[in-house]
Amino acid sequence: MIKFTINKEEILFSKTLEMTKNINDAILRLNELVRKVIKGDREGVMSEVIRIKAIYERVAMIREEIVSMLYGEAFLPDFKESMMMLNQALYNTIKAIKDSGRAISSRKPNEGLLKALSDGLLTYLSTVIEGGEKLTEMISYMKTDMKEAIRIGKEIQLLERNGDDIKDVLIQKLYDSEGIADVISILQFKDVIIFMDDILDYMEEATLSIETLYATLKA
């Protein structure tokens, strides 16, 4: 078990954990956004878009604070690099959440496509929600038990593989629905699916950063 006692490191981990908690909030907002799209609640959709954007900006601000600390304090180069990788992965995660919301809300979705894909999108989002919860749990263990953090990271990696299976089904359904929608509508939903897939991909990148950080600390 590796424990950190230096105050500046504790501050870094605390800010990183704050990022993941905000990411969790954004995922829940994205889930609500998609549900409101399905219901046809356009006003509610735009409210969720605004909430997600506000969370994105908050995470971006925290990331800037972390980068400033990493380059303003005397951290070991390998530690600094691993933490930069981790925080970039978390930033990319929130950006993918924002882009998913923007893609599905940028124009009124084709009703036929929405009906065909809605169950799959909600299933995918349930996987993303679980991934977000585990992401926060993983980061919470960084300071006290890196081995446990890595174990949880392996669970996130499994969720990412499950997400790939759901994505493949959604893409196939999308292409099977070409006869009921125009090209722009198909491209819109393809963007939604790809951006949602990016969310889990970047979560997986965060787990790899944790593994790199652990290897650095053991060296």
Protein backbone atom coordinates (compact mmCIF):
# COMPACT_ATOMS: atom_id res chain seq x y z
CA MET A 1 0.00 0.00 0.00
CA ILE A 2 1.33 3.43 -0.95
CA LYS A 3 0.24 6.46 1.04
CA PHE A 4 0.84 10.14 0.32
CA THR A 5 1.46 12.54 3.17
CA ILE A 6 2.79 15.63 1.40
CA ASN A 7 0.17 18.35 1.47
CA LYS A 8 0.69 19.51 -2.12
CA GLU A 9 0.01 15.99 -3.38
CA GLU A 10 -3.13 15.77 -1.27
CA ILE A 11 -4.35 18.99 -2.83
CA LEU A 12 -3.72 17.57 -6.31
CA PHE A 13 -5.64 14.39 -5.57
CA SER A 14 -8.46 16.36 -3.96
CA LYS A 15 -8.83 18.53 -7.07
CA THR A 16 -8.68 15.48 -9.33
CA LEU A 17 -11.43 13.83 -7.29
CA GLU A 18 -13.47 17.02 -7.62
CA MET A 19 -13.13 16.71 -11.41
CA THR A 20 -14.53 13.17 -11.38
CA LYS A 21 -17.47 14.17 -9.18
CA ASN A 22 -18.34 16.89 -11.67
CA ILE A 23 -18.00 14.38 -14.51
CA ASN A 24 -20.50 12.16 -12.69
CA ASP A 25 -22.93 15.06 -12.44
CA ALA A 26 -22.53 15.78 -16.15
CA ILE A 27 -23.22 12.13 -17.04
CA LEU A 28 -26.46 12.22 -15.06
CA ARG A 29 -27.43 15.45 -16.82
CA LEU A 30 -26.67 13.83 -20.19
CA ASN A 31 -28.90 10.92 -19.25
CA GLU A 32 -31.71 13.34 -18.41
CA LEU A 33 -31.08 15.23 -21.65
CA VAL A 34 -31.48 12.08 -23.76
CA ARG A 35 -34.64 11.10 -21.89
CA LYS A 36 -36.10 14.56 -22.55
CA VAL A 37 -35.15 14.28 -26.23
CA ILE A 38 -37.07 11.00 -26.37
CA LYS A 39 -40.08 12.65 -24.70
CA GLY A 40 -39.93 15.61 -27.07
CA ASP A 41 -39.34 18.09 -24.23
CA ARG A 42 -37.33 20.63 -26.25
CA GLU A 43 -37.28 23.26 -23.49
CA GLY A 44 -36.06 20.69 -20.96
CA VAL A 45 -33.38 19.54 -23.41
CA MET A 46 -31.93 23.03 -23.74
CA SER A 47 -31.91 23.44 -19.94
CA GLU A 48 -29.82 20.28 -19.65
CA VAL A 49 -27.46 21.50 -22.37
CA ILE A 50 -26.83 24.66 -20.34
CA ARG A 51 -26.22 22.65 -17.16
CA ILE A 52 -23.74 20.35 -18.91
CA LYS A 53 -21.88 23.33 -20.37
CA ALA A 54 -21.61 24.91 -16.91
CA ILE A 55 -20.17 21.68 -15.48
CA TYR A 56 -17.74 21.44 -18.41
CA GLU A 57 -16.47 24.96 -17.71
CA ARG A 58 -16.08 24.12 -14.01
CA VAL A 59 -14.00 21.04 -14.82
CA ALA A 60 -11.88 23.04 -17.28
CA MET A 61 -11.17 25.57 -14.54
CA ILE A 62 -10.14 22.84 -12.06
CA ARG A 63 -7.89 21.32 -14.71
CA GLU A 64 -6.15 24.66 -15.19
CA GLU A 65 -5.54 24.84 -11.44
CA ILE A 66 -4.02 21.36 -11.46
CA VAL A 67 -1.78 22.12 -14.43
CA SER A 68 -0.62 25.30 -12.71
CA MET A 69 0.25 23.31 -9.57
CA LEU A 70 2.06 20.59 -11.50
CA TYR A 71 4.29 23.07 -13.29
CA GLY A 72 4.61 25.49 -10.39
CA GLU A 73 5.72 22.99 -7.73
CA ALA A 74 8.74 20.68 -7.48
CA PHE A 75 7.21 17.33 -8.43
CA LEU A 76 9.22 14.45 -9.84
CA PRO A 77 9.07 14.45 -13.67
CA ASP A 78 7.48 10.98 -13.94
CA PHE A 79 4.86 11.86 -11.34
CA LYS A 80 4.10 15.12 -13.12
CA GLU A 81 3.74 13.36 -16.48
CA SER A 82 1.42 10.68 -15.09
CA MET A 83 -0.80 13.25 -13.39
CA MET A 84 -0.93 15.32 -16.58
CA MET A 85 -2.02 12.21 -18.53
CA LEU A 86 -4.71 11.48 -15.96
CA ASN A 87 -6.13 14.98 -15.92
CA GLN A 88 -6.06 15.24 -19.70
CA ALA A 89 -8.07 11.99 -19.88
CA LEU A 90 -10.60 13.39 -17.40
CA TYR A 91 -10.86 16.64 -19.34
CA ASN A 92 -11.41 14.70 -22.57
CA THR A 93 -14.14 12.72 -20.79
CA ILE A 94 -16.12 15.82 -19.85
CA LYS A 95 -15.60 17.24 -23.33
CA ALA A 96 -17.05 14.04 -24.87
CA ILE A 97 -20.07 14.37 -22.55
CA LYS A 98 -20.59 17.95 -23.67
CA ASP A 99 -20.19 16.99 -27.33
CA SER A 100 -22.71 14.14 -26.95
CA GLY A 101 -25.29 16.53 -25.56
CA ARG A 102 -24.60 19.08 -28.27
CA ALA A 103 -24.86 16.48 -31.03
CA ILE A 104 -28.26 15.15 -30.00
CA SER A 105 -29.69 18.61 -29.23
CA SER A 106 -28.29 20.57 -32.19
CA ARG A 107 -31.38 19.82 -34.30
CA LYS A 108 -34.66 18.00 -33.74
CA PRO A 109 -33.86 14.29 -34.18
CA ASN A 110 -35.62 12.22 -36.81
CA GLU A 111 -38.52 10.51 -35.02
CA GLY A 112 -38.02 7.19 -36.79
CA LEU A 113 -34.36 7.03 -35.86
CA LEU A 114 -35.09 8.16 -32.33
CA LYS A 115 -37.62 5.36 -31.90
CA ALA A 116 -35.23 2.79 -33.34
CA LEU A 117 -32.23 3.84 -31.24
CA SER A 118 -33.69 5.17 -27.98
CA ASP A 119 -33.51 1.90 -26.01
CA GLY A 120 -29.94 1.31 -27.11
CA LEU A 121 -28.88 4.85 -26.23
CA LEU A 122 -30.35 4.52 -22.73
CA THR A 123 -28.66 1.14 -22.29
CA TYR A 124 -25.37 2.68 -23.32
CA LEU A 125 -25.89 5.57 -20.92
CA SER A 126 -26.51 3.15 -18.05
CA THR A 127 -23.05 1.72 -18.77
CA VAL A 128 -21.57 5.22 -18.86
CA ILE A 129 -23.25 6.05 -15.53
CA GLU A 130 -21.71 2.95 -13.95
CA GLY A 131 -18.34 3.87 -15.42
CA GLY A 132 -18.57 7.37 -13.97
CA GLU A 133 -19.34 6.02 -10.51
CA LYS A 134 -16.35 3.68 -10.67
CA LEU A 135 -14.16 6.49 -11.99
CA THR A 136 -14.87 8.55 -8.87
CA GLU A 137 -14.30 5.50 -6.67
CA MET A 138 -10.98 4.79 -8.40
CA ILE A 139 -9.71 8.34 -7.93
CA SER A 140 -10.81 8.35 -4.27
CA TYR A 141 -8.41 5.43 -3.62
CA MET A 142 -5.39 7.06 -5.28
CA LYS A 143 -4.14 8.60 -2.04
CA THR A 144 -4.57 5.55 0.20
CA ASP A 145 -4.61 2.33 -1.81
CA MET A 146 -3.28 2.36 -5.38
CA LYS A 147 -3.76 -1.39 -5.79
CA GLU A 148 -7.48 -1.00 -5.11
CA ALA A 149 -7.61 1.95 -7.49
CA ILE A 150 -6.08 -0.25 -10.20
CA ARG A 151 -8.55 -3.05 -9.46
CA ILE A 152 -11.47 -0.65 -9.95
CA GLY A 153 -9.78 0.60 -13.10
CA LYS A 154 -9.91 -2.93 -14.50
CA GLU A 155 -13.68 -2.87 -13.96
CA ILE A 156 -13.88 0.37 -15.94
CA GLN A 157 -11.91 -1.26 -18.75
CA LEU A 158 -14.45 -4.10 -18.81
CA LEU A 159 -17.30 -1.58 -19.00
CA GLU A 160 -15.53 0.07 -21.93
CA ARG A 161 -15.46 -3.26 -23.78
CA ASN A 162 -19.15 -3.79 -23.01
CA GLY A 163 -19.79 -0.29 -24.33
CA ASP A 164 -18.05 -1.20 -27.59
CA ASP A 165 -20.52 -4.08 -28.05
CA ILE A 166 -23.48 -1.76 -27.50
CA LYS A 167 -21.97 0.82 -29.85
CA ASP A 168 -21.62 -1.79 -32.61
CA VAL A 169 -25.30 -2.74 -32.25
CA LEU A 170 -26.35 0.92 -32.35
CA ILE A 171 -24.29 1.62 -35.46
CA GLN A 172 -25.78 -1.42 -37.19
CA LYS A 173 -29.31 -0.31 -36.29
CA LEU A 174 -28.49 3.16 -37.57
CA TYR A 175 -27.39 1.85 -40.95
CA ASP A 176 -30.38 -0.49 -41.10
CA SER A 177 -32.61 2.58 -40.71
CA GLU A 178 -31.28 4.42 -43.75
CA GLY A 179 -34.63 4.04 -45.50
CA ILE A 180 -36.52 6.06 -42.89
CA ALA A 181 -34.18 9.03 -42.50
CA ASP A 182 -32.20 11.60 -44.43
CA VAL A 183 -28.40 11.63 -44.49
CA ILE A 184 -28.08 14.55 -42.06
CA SER A 185 -30.22 12.76 -39.48
CA ILE A 186 -28.12 9.62 -39.82
CA LEU A 187 -24.92 11.62 -39.41
CA GLN A 188 -26.38 13.36 -36.37
CA PHE A 189 -27.01 10.06 -34.60
CA LYS A 190 -23.67 8.68 -35.70
CA ASP A 191 -22.02 11.66 -33.98
CA VAL A 192 -24.06 11.01 -30.83
CA ILE A 193 -22.99 7.36 -30.74
CA ILE A 194 -19.32 8.14 -31.42
CA PHE A 195 -19.16 10.85 -28.77
CA MET A 196 -20.80 8.55 -26.20
CA ASP A 197 -18.25 5.91 -27.09
CA ASP A 198 -15.51 8.50 -26.53
CA ILE A 199 -16.73 8.97 -22.94
CA LEU A 200 -15.87 5.39 -22.00
CA ASP A 201 -12.70 5.43 -24.11
CA TYR A 202 -11.35 8.40 -22.16
CA MET A 203 -12.37 6.81 -18.86
CA GLU A 204 -10.26 3.83 -19.90
CA GLU A 205 -7.36 6.18 -20.65
CA ALA A 206 -7.69 7.50 -17.09
CA THR A 207 -7.31 3.97 -15.72
CA LEU A 208 -4.14 3.47 -17.77
CA SER A 209 -2.76 6.69 -16.30
CA ILE A 210 -3.37 5.30 -12.80
CA GLU A 211 -1.42 2.16 -13.72
CA THR A 212 1.43 4.31 -15.04
CA LEU A 213 1.40 6.41 -11.88
CA TYR A 214 1.60 3.29 -9.69
CA ALA A 215 4.53 1.92 -11.70
CA THR A 216 6.27 5.29 -11.33
CA LEU A 217 5.81 5.32 -7.56
CA LYS A 218 7.10 1.78 -7.20
CA ALA A 219 10.24 2.50 -9.23
